[in-house]
N, C-alpha and C. Protein backbone atom coordinates (compact mmCIF):
# COMPACT_ATOMS: atom_id res chain seq x y z
N MET A 1 5.10 -12.19 17.80
CA MET A 1 6.39 -11.79 18.35
C MET A 1 6.28 -10.35 18.92
N PRO A 2 6.53 -10.22 20.16
CA PRO A 2 6.51 -8.87 20.77
C PRO A 2 7.53 -7.96 20.18
N THR A 3 7.12 -6.67 19.91
CA THR A 3 7.99 -5.70 19.41
C THR A 3 7.65 -4.40 20.15
N SER A 4 8.63 -3.56 20.44
CA SER A 4 8.29 -2.35 21.09
C SER A 4 8.56 -1.17 20.09
N ILE A 5 7.84 -0.11 20.30
CA ILE A 5 7.78 1.02 19.42
C ILE A 5 7.64 2.27 20.23
N ASN A 6 8.38 3.33 19.95
CA ASN A 6 8.22 4.60 20.61
C ASN A 6 7.25 5.43 19.83
N LEU A 7 6.19 5.90 20.34
CA LEU A 7 5.25 6.76 19.68
C LEU A 7 5.32 8.16 20.22
N THR A 8 5.10 9.17 19.32
CA THR A 8 4.98 10.50 19.81
C THR A 8 3.74 10.63 20.65
N PRO A 9 3.70 11.58 21.58
CA PRO A 9 2.47 11.83 22.42
C PRO A 9 1.24 12.08 21.48
N GLU A 10 1.40 12.81 20.41
CA GLU A 10 0.26 13.06 19.53
C GLU A 10 -0.26 11.73 18.91
N ILE A 11 0.63 10.88 18.42
CA ILE A 11 0.19 9.60 17.84
C ILE A 11 -0.49 8.74 18.91
N GLU A 12 0.09 8.74 20.07
CA GLU A 12 -0.56 7.96 21.21
C GLU A 12 -1.94 8.49 21.54
N GLN A 13 -2.09 9.74 21.53
CA GLN A 13 -3.39 10.40 21.85
C GLN A 13 -4.39 10.09 20.69
N ARG A 14 -3.98 10.10 19.49
CA ARG A 14 -4.91 9.82 18.33
C ARG A 14 -5.26 8.34 18.44
N LEU A 15 -4.26 7.47 18.73
CA LEU A 15 -4.60 5.99 18.83
C LEU A 15 -5.47 5.71 19.96
N ASP A 16 -5.27 6.35 21.12
CA ASP A 16 -6.14 6.16 22.24
C ASP A 16 -7.60 6.64 21.90
N PHE A 17 -7.70 7.78 21.27
CA PHE A 17 -8.96 8.29 20.87
C PHE A 17 -9.75 7.26 20.00
N LEU A 18 -9.03 6.88 18.96
CA LEU A 18 -9.60 5.85 17.95
C LEU A 18 -10.06 4.63 18.73
N ALA A 19 -9.20 4.03 19.58
CA ALA A 19 -9.57 2.87 20.32
C ALA A 19 -10.76 3.05 21.19
N SER A 20 -10.87 4.23 21.94
CA SER A 20 -12.00 4.48 22.78
C SER A 20 -13.31 4.70 21.99
N LEU A 21 -13.10 5.32 20.84
CA LEU A 21 -14.28 5.55 19.96
C LEU A 21 -14.89 4.32 19.36
N THR A 22 -14.12 3.37 19.13
CA THR A 22 -14.58 2.19 18.42
C THR A 22 -14.68 0.93 19.26
N GLY A 23 -13.99 0.96 20.47
CA GLY A 23 -13.99 -0.24 21.30
C GLY A 23 -12.94 -1.28 20.91
N GLN A 24 -12.16 -0.93 19.91
CA GLN A 24 -11.08 -1.86 19.49
C GLN A 24 -9.80 -1.53 20.36
N SER A 25 -8.81 -2.43 20.40
CA SER A 25 -7.66 -2.15 21.18
C SER A 25 -6.65 -1.25 20.43
N ARG A 26 -5.76 -0.68 21.11
CA ARG A 26 -4.66 -0.03 20.50
C ARG A 26 -3.86 -0.95 19.58
N ALA A 27 -3.66 -2.20 20.11
CA ALA A 27 -2.85 -3.23 19.40
C ALA A 27 -3.54 -3.53 18.09
N TYR A 28 -4.87 -3.54 18.08
CA TYR A 28 -5.61 -3.86 16.83
C TYR A 28 -5.31 -2.76 15.77
N TYR A 29 -5.36 -1.47 16.16
CA TYR A 29 -5.04 -0.45 15.16
C TYR A 29 -3.59 -0.38 14.76
N LEU A 30 -2.66 -0.64 15.66
CA LEU A 30 -1.33 -0.66 15.35
C LEU A 30 -1.03 -1.82 14.29
N GLN A 31 -1.61 -3.04 14.58
CA GLN A 31 -1.50 -4.14 13.65
C GLN A 31 -2.05 -3.70 12.25
N LYS A 32 -3.30 -3.13 12.25
CA LYS A 32 -3.89 -2.73 10.99
C LYS A 32 -2.97 -1.70 10.24
N ALA A 33 -2.49 -0.76 10.95
CA ALA A 33 -1.63 0.31 10.37
C ALA A 33 -0.30 -0.22 9.77
N ILE A 34 0.24 -1.21 10.47
CA ILE A 34 1.44 -1.87 9.93
C ILE A 34 1.19 -2.67 8.72
N GLU A 35 0.04 -3.41 8.80
CA GLU A 35 -0.33 -4.27 7.59
C GLU A 35 -0.55 -3.36 6.41
N GLN A 36 -1.34 -2.30 6.52
CA GLN A 36 -1.65 -1.41 5.45
C GLN A 36 -0.33 -0.72 4.96
N GLY A 37 0.52 -0.25 5.86
CA GLY A 37 1.75 0.33 5.44
C GLY A 37 2.65 -0.56 4.68
N LEU A 38 2.73 -1.82 5.15
CA LEU A 38 3.57 -2.83 4.41
C LEU A 38 2.97 -3.09 3.04
N GLU A 39 1.68 -3.22 2.90
CA GLU A 39 1.13 -3.36 1.57
C GLU A 39 1.41 -2.25 0.64
N ASP A 40 1.30 -1.02 1.18
CA ASP A 40 1.58 0.18 0.37
C ASP A 40 3.04 0.20 -0.05
N MET A 41 3.96 -0.13 0.89
CA MET A 41 5.40 -0.19 0.50
C MET A 41 5.72 -1.25 -0.47
N GLU A 42 5.13 -2.41 -0.30
CA GLU A 42 5.35 -3.50 -1.22
C GLU A 42 4.89 -3.10 -2.66
N ASP A 43 3.68 -2.54 -2.70
CA ASP A 43 3.19 -2.00 -4.06
C ASP A 43 4.04 -0.98 -4.69
N TYR A 44 4.62 -0.07 -3.81
CA TYR A 44 5.48 0.95 -4.33
C TYR A 44 6.79 0.35 -4.92
N TYR A 45 7.36 -0.60 -4.17
CA TYR A 45 8.62 -1.16 -4.65
C TYR A 45 8.42 -2.11 -5.83
N ARG A 46 7.24 -2.78 -5.93
CA ARG A 46 7.00 -3.59 -7.19
C ARG A 46 6.80 -2.66 -8.37
N ALA A 47 6.11 -1.58 -8.20
CA ALA A 47 5.84 -0.62 -9.26
C ALA A 47 7.22 0.00 -9.71
N GLU A 48 8.02 0.33 -8.69
CA GLU A 48 9.36 0.93 -9.01
C GLU A 48 10.19 -0.01 -9.83
N ALA A 49 10.08 -1.31 -9.54
CA ALA A 49 10.93 -2.28 -10.25
C ALA A 49 10.39 -2.41 -11.70
N VAL A 50 9.12 -2.39 -11.88
CA VAL A 50 8.57 -2.43 -13.19
C VAL A 50 8.95 -1.17 -14.03
N MET A 51 8.90 -0.05 -13.36
CA MET A 51 9.32 1.18 -14.12
C MET A 51 10.77 1.17 -14.45
N ALA A 52 11.58 0.59 -13.60
CA ALA A 52 13.02 0.49 -13.92
C ALA A 52 13.20 -0.43 -15.23
N ARG A 53 12.42 -1.52 -15.22
CA ARG A 53 12.51 -2.44 -16.46
C ARG A 53 11.97 -1.70 -17.66
N VAL A 54 10.96 -0.89 -17.51
CA VAL A 54 10.38 -0.13 -18.70
C VAL A 54 11.45 0.84 -19.15
N ARG A 55 12.19 1.52 -18.21
CA ARG A 55 13.18 2.49 -18.69
C ARG A 55 14.32 1.83 -19.43
N ARG A 56 14.61 0.55 -18.96
CA ARG A 56 15.76 -0.13 -19.64
C ARG A 56 15.27 -0.83 -20.90
N GLY A 57 14.01 -0.77 -21.22
CA GLY A 57 13.46 -1.43 -22.42
C GLY A 57 13.24 -2.88 -22.27
N GLU A 58 13.15 -3.38 -21.01
CA GLU A 58 12.97 -4.83 -20.79
C GLU A 58 11.60 -5.21 -20.51
N GLU A 59 10.65 -4.22 -20.52
CA GLU A 59 9.29 -4.45 -20.25
C GLU A 59 8.45 -4.06 -21.40
N LYS A 60 7.56 -4.88 -21.91
CA LYS A 60 6.70 -4.62 -23.09
C LYS A 60 5.62 -3.54 -22.66
N ILE A 61 5.45 -2.53 -23.49
CA ILE A 61 4.47 -1.48 -23.19
C ILE A 61 3.38 -1.59 -24.24
N TYR A 62 2.08 -1.50 -23.87
CA TYR A 62 0.99 -1.55 -24.78
C TYR A 62 0.28 -0.23 -24.76
N SER A 63 -0.19 0.34 -25.83
CA SER A 63 -0.96 1.52 -25.85
C SER A 63 -2.40 1.13 -25.52
N ALA A 64 -3.16 2.16 -25.20
CA ALA A 64 -4.58 1.95 -24.90
C ALA A 64 -5.29 1.44 -26.11
N ALA A 65 -4.93 1.89 -27.29
CA ALA A 65 -5.58 1.38 -28.48
C ALA A 65 -5.35 -0.08 -28.72
N GLU A 66 -4.11 -0.53 -28.45
CA GLU A 66 -3.73 -1.90 -28.63
C GLU A 66 -4.53 -2.81 -27.59
N VAL A 67 -4.64 -2.28 -26.38
CA VAL A 67 -5.36 -3.08 -25.39
C VAL A 67 -6.81 -3.14 -25.76
N ARG A 68 -7.43 -2.08 -26.19
CA ARG A 68 -8.85 -2.11 -26.60
C ARG A 68 -9.05 -3.08 -27.77
N GLN A 69 -8.19 -3.05 -28.70
CA GLN A 69 -8.27 -3.93 -29.87
C GLN A 69 -8.14 -5.37 -29.48
N ASP A 70 -7.07 -5.66 -28.66
CA ASP A 70 -6.92 -7.07 -28.25
C ASP A 70 -8.10 -7.65 -27.43
N LEU A 71 -8.73 -6.76 -26.70
CA LEU A 71 -9.90 -7.15 -25.92
C LEU A 71 -11.18 -7.07 -26.63
N GLY A 72 -11.09 -6.60 -27.90
CA GLY A 72 -12.29 -6.50 -28.71
C GLY A 72 -13.38 -5.40 -28.16
N LEU A 73 -12.78 -4.40 -27.59
CA LEU A 73 -13.62 -3.34 -27.06
C LEU A 73 -14.04 -2.29 -28.06
N ASP A 74 -13.40 -2.27 -29.24
CA ASP A 74 -13.69 -1.29 -30.27
C ASP A 74 -14.67 -1.80 -31.36
N ASP A 75 -15.14 -2.99 -31.10
CA ASP A 75 -16.05 -3.62 -32.07
C ASP A 75 -17.46 -3.07 -32.02
């Protein structure tokens, strides 16, 4: 789906340089940047949701000692 975006001249220049340096298209790097940014944002919001449950006492927390013992790492 086509989408338009306004880039600052600095970002355009950096994108053009990267594209010319590697032979990839600007669209390739824009797609990669969006994919990585979305993954980062999704990770952040998932972690934020877990921390909210921890603060409310709705999420079980394990100490490092408990994890080591359960996995048999201290044997």
